[in-house]
Amino acid sequence: MTLDKSLKVSGGAIKVRNVLTRVERLRRLQELDKWKEGDPVLGIPKTRVIKVSLKKKKKVKKEDAAEGKGKKK
């Protein structure tokens, strides 16, 4: 069965997850210099998940574009 176009999400599988896997947590802790190779893996501290939000670009109106071209002459 297929999904209708109107029901599909543009982002698809891209989601903000609120839980990291152990490997991802260890990588993040290594970046922050809070965990080193050889330290115990059990009982590692919690890490904050960074949310990345993309800002949408504003559309330029045709009138504004025409005015900008007219001023250059």
N, C-alpha and C. Protein backbone atom coordinates (compact mmCIF):
# COMPACT_ATOMS: atom_id res chain seq x y z
N MET A 1 0.83 -1.17 0.00
CA MET A 1 0.00 0.00 0.00
C MET A 1 0.89 1.25 0.00
N THR A 2 0.53 2.25 -0.75
CA THR A 2 1.34 3.45 -0.84
C THR A 2 0.68 4.61 -0.11
N LEU A 3 1.49 5.58 0.25
CA LEU A 3 0.97 6.78 0.91
C LEU A 3 0.63 7.84 -0.12
N ASP A 4 -0.40 8.59 0.15
CA ASP A 4 -0.77 9.70 -0.70
C ASP A 4 0.28 10.80 -0.56
N LYS A 5 0.50 11.61 -1.60
CA LYS A 5 1.49 12.68 -1.57
C LYS A 5 1.25 13.66 -0.44
N SER A 6 -0.01 13.91 -0.14
CA SER A 6 -0.34 14.90 0.89
C SER A 6 0.03 14.42 2.29
N LEU A 7 0.19 13.11 2.47
CA LEU A 7 0.50 12.56 3.79
C LEU A 7 1.99 12.40 4.03
N LYS A 8 2.80 12.52 2.99
CA LYS A 8 4.24 12.35 3.15
C LYS A 8 4.85 13.59 3.79
N VAL A 9 5.85 13.37 4.60
CA VAL A 9 6.57 14.46 5.25
C VAL A 9 7.82 14.75 4.45
N SER A 10 8.13 16.01 4.25
CA SER A 10 9.28 16.36 3.43
C SER A 10 10.59 15.91 4.06
N GLY A 11 10.66 15.91 5.40
CA GLY A 11 11.89 15.53 6.10
C GLY A 11 12.17 14.05 6.05
N GLY A 12 11.15 13.26 5.87
CA GLY A 12 11.31 11.81 5.80
C GLY A 12 11.80 11.23 7.11
N ALA A 13 12.96 10.60 7.09
CA ALA A 13 13.50 9.93 8.27
C ALA A 13 14.30 10.87 9.17
N ILE A 14 14.41 12.13 8.80
CA ILE A 14 15.19 13.07 9.61
C ILE A 14 14.33 13.54 10.77
N LYS A 15 14.73 13.17 11.97
CA LYS A 15 13.99 13.56 13.17
C LYS A 15 14.99 14.01 14.23
N VAL A 16 14.50 14.74 15.18
CA VAL A 16 15.32 15.10 16.33
C VAL A 16 15.07 14.02 17.37
N ARG A 17 16.12 13.30 17.70
CA ARG A 17 15.98 12.24 18.70
C ARG A 17 16.36 12.80 20.06
N ASN A 18 15.68 12.35 21.09
CA ASN A 18 16.00 12.84 22.43
C ASN A 18 16.85 11.84 23.21
N VAL A 19 17.21 10.72 22.61
CA VAL A 19 18.04 9.72 23.27
C VAL A 19 19.16 9.32 22.33
N LEU A 20 20.38 9.30 22.84
CA LEU A 20 21.54 8.88 22.05
C LEU A 20 21.90 7.45 22.39
N THR A 21 22.50 6.74 21.45
CA THR A 21 23.01 5.41 21.75
C THR A 21 24.29 5.55 22.58
N ARG A 22 24.75 4.47 23.17
CA ARG A 22 25.94 4.53 24.01
C ARG A 22 27.15 5.01 23.22
N VAL A 23 27.28 4.53 21.98
CA VAL A 23 28.41 4.93 21.15
C VAL A 23 28.36 6.42 20.86
N GLU A 24 27.18 6.94 20.56
CA GLU A 24 27.04 8.38 20.30
C GLU A 24 27.35 9.19 21.55
N ARG A 25 26.91 8.70 22.70
CA ARG A 25 27.20 9.39 23.97
C ARG A 25 28.69 9.41 24.24
N LEU A 26 29.37 8.29 24.00
CA LEU A 26 30.82 8.24 24.25
C LEU A 26 31.57 9.19 23.31
N ARG A 27 31.14 9.27 22.04
CA ARG A 27 31.77 10.20 21.11
C ARG A 27 31.59 11.64 21.58
N ARG A 28 30.37 11.95 22.04
CA ARG A 28 30.08 13.31 22.51
C ARG A 28 30.90 13.63 23.75
N LEU A 29 31.04 12.67 24.67
CA LEU A 29 31.82 12.88 25.89
C LEU A 29 33.31 13.03 25.57
N GLN A 30 33.78 12.31 24.55
CA GLN A 30 35.18 12.47 24.14
C GLN A 30 35.42 13.87 23.59
N GLU A 31 34.45 14.41 22.84
CA GLU A 31 34.59 15.77 22.31
C GLU A 31 34.66 16.78 23.44
N LEU A 32 33.92 16.52 24.52
CA LEU A 32 33.88 17.43 25.66
C LEU A 32 34.99 17.14 26.67
N ASP A 33 35.86 16.17 26.38
CA ASP A 33 36.96 15.74 27.27
C ASP A 33 36.45 15.30 28.64
N LYS A 34 35.32 14.60 28.67
CA LYS A 34 34.78 14.07 29.92
C LYS A 34 34.92 12.55 30.00
N TRP A 35 35.38 11.92 28.93
CA TRP A 35 35.56 10.48 28.92
C TRP A 35 36.77 10.17 28.08
N LYS A 36 37.62 9.26 28.57
CA LYS A 36 38.82 8.87 27.85
C LYS A 36 38.78 7.38 27.60
N GLU A 37 39.54 6.94 26.62
CA GLU A 37 39.63 5.52 26.30
C GLU A 37 40.14 4.77 27.52
N GLY A 38 39.44 3.70 27.91
CA GLY A 38 39.84 2.92 29.08
C GLY A 38 38.99 3.21 30.30
N ASP A 39 38.27 4.32 30.32
CA ASP A 39 37.36 4.61 31.43
C ASP A 39 36.19 3.63 31.38
N PRO A 40 35.55 3.36 32.53
CA PRO A 40 34.42 2.43 32.53
C PRO A 40 33.26 2.95 31.66
N VAL A 41 32.63 2.02 30.96
CA VAL A 41 31.54 2.38 30.06
C VAL A 41 30.22 2.47 30.82
N LEU A 42 30.11 1.70 31.89
CA LEU A 42 28.89 1.73 32.68
C LEU A 42 28.90 2.94 33.60
N GLY A 43 27.75 3.56 33.75
CA GLY A 43 27.64 4.71 34.63
C GLY A 43 28.15 6.00 34.03
N ILE A 44 28.16 6.09 32.70
CA ILE A 44 28.62 7.33 32.07
C ILE A 44 27.58 8.43 32.27
N PRO A 45 28.02 9.69 32.34
CA PRO A 45 27.07 10.78 32.58
C PRO A 45 26.15 11.02 31.39
N LYS A 46 25.05 11.68 31.67
CA LYS A 46 24.09 12.02 30.62
C LYS A 46 24.69 13.11 29.73
N THR A 47 24.27 13.12 28.49
CA THR A 47 24.72 14.14 27.56
C THR A 47 23.50 14.85 26.98
N ARG A 48 23.65 16.11 26.73
CA ARG A 48 22.55 16.89 26.18
C ARG A 48 22.51 16.71 24.67
N VAL A 49 21.31 16.54 24.14
CA VAL A 49 21.13 16.41 22.71
C VAL A 49 20.96 17.80 22.12
N ILE A 50 21.76 18.12 21.13
CA ILE A 50 21.71 19.43 20.51
C ILE A 50 20.71 19.41 19.37
N LYS A 51 19.73 20.30 19.45
CA LYS A 51 18.75 20.41 18.38
C LYS A 51 19.26 21.42 17.36
N VAL A 52 19.19 21.05 16.10
CA VAL A 52 19.61 21.93 15.04
C VAL A 52 18.37 22.39 14.29
N SER A 53 18.14 23.68 14.27
CA SER A 53 16.99 24.20 13.55
C SER A 53 17.49 25.04 12.39
N LEU A 54 16.92 24.80 11.24
CA LEU A 54 17.31 25.52 10.04
C LEU A 54 16.33 26.67 9.82
N LYS A 55 16.86 27.84 9.53
CA LYS A 55 16.02 28.99 9.26
C LYS A 55 15.64 28.99 7.79
N LYS A 56 14.38 29.32 7.52
CA LYS A 56 13.92 29.38 6.15
C LYS A 56 14.30 30.73 5.54
N LYS A 57 14.67 30.69 4.28
CA LYS A 57 15.04 31.92 3.59
C LYS A 57 13.77 32.66 3.20
N LYS A 58 13.83 33.97 3.29
CA LYS A 58 12.69 34.79 2.90
C LYS A 58 12.66 34.90 1.38
N LYS A 59 11.44 34.83 0.84
CA LYS A 59 11.28 34.98 -0.60
C LYS A 59 11.32 36.46 -0.97
N VAL A 60 11.99 36.76 -2.06
CA VAL A 60 12.08 38.13 -2.54
C VAL A 60 10.93 38.35 -3.51
N LYS A 61 10.16 39.40 -3.28
CA LYS A 61 9.05 39.71 -4.17
C LYS A 61 9.58 40.19 -5.51
N LYS A 62 8.78 39.99 -6.56
CA LYS A 62 9.19 40.40 -7.90
C LYS A 62 9.35 41.91 -7.97
N GLU A 63 8.50 42.64 -7.27
CA GLU A 63 8.57 44.10 -7.29
C GLU A 63 9.89 44.57 -6.68
N ASP A 64 10.28 43.96 -5.56
CA ASP A 64 11.54 44.32 -4.91
C ASP A 64 12.73 44.03 -5.83
N ALA A 65 12.67 42.92 -6.52
CA ALA A 65 13.74 42.55 -7.43
C ALA A 65 13.82 43.53 -8.59
N ALA A 66 12.65 43.95 -9.09
CA ALA A 66 12.62 44.90 -10.21
C ALA A 66 13.17 46.26 -9.78
N GLU A 67 12.83 46.67 -8.57
CA GLU A 67 13.34 47.95 -8.06
C GLU A 67 14.85 47.90 -7.90
N GLY A 68 15.35 46.78 -7.43
CA GLY A 68 16.80 46.62 -7.24
C GLY A 68 17.53 46.70 -8.56
N LYS A 69 16.95 46.13 -9.61
CA LYS A 69 17.59 46.18 -10.93
C LYS A 69 17.54 47.60 -11.50
N GLY A 70 16.43 48.30 -11.23
CA GLY A 70 16.27 49.66 -11.74
C GLY A 70 17.26 50.61 -11.12
N LYS A 71 17.60 50.41 -9.88
CA LYS A 71 18.54 51.30 -9.17
C LYS A 71 19.96 51.14 -9.68
N LYS A 72 20.31 49.97 -10.18
CA LYS A 72 21.68 49.72 -10.63
C LYS A 72 22.02 50.48 -11.89
N LYS A 73 21.03 50.83 -12.68
CA LYS A 73 21.29 51.50 -13.96
C LYS A 73 21.71 52.91 -13.81
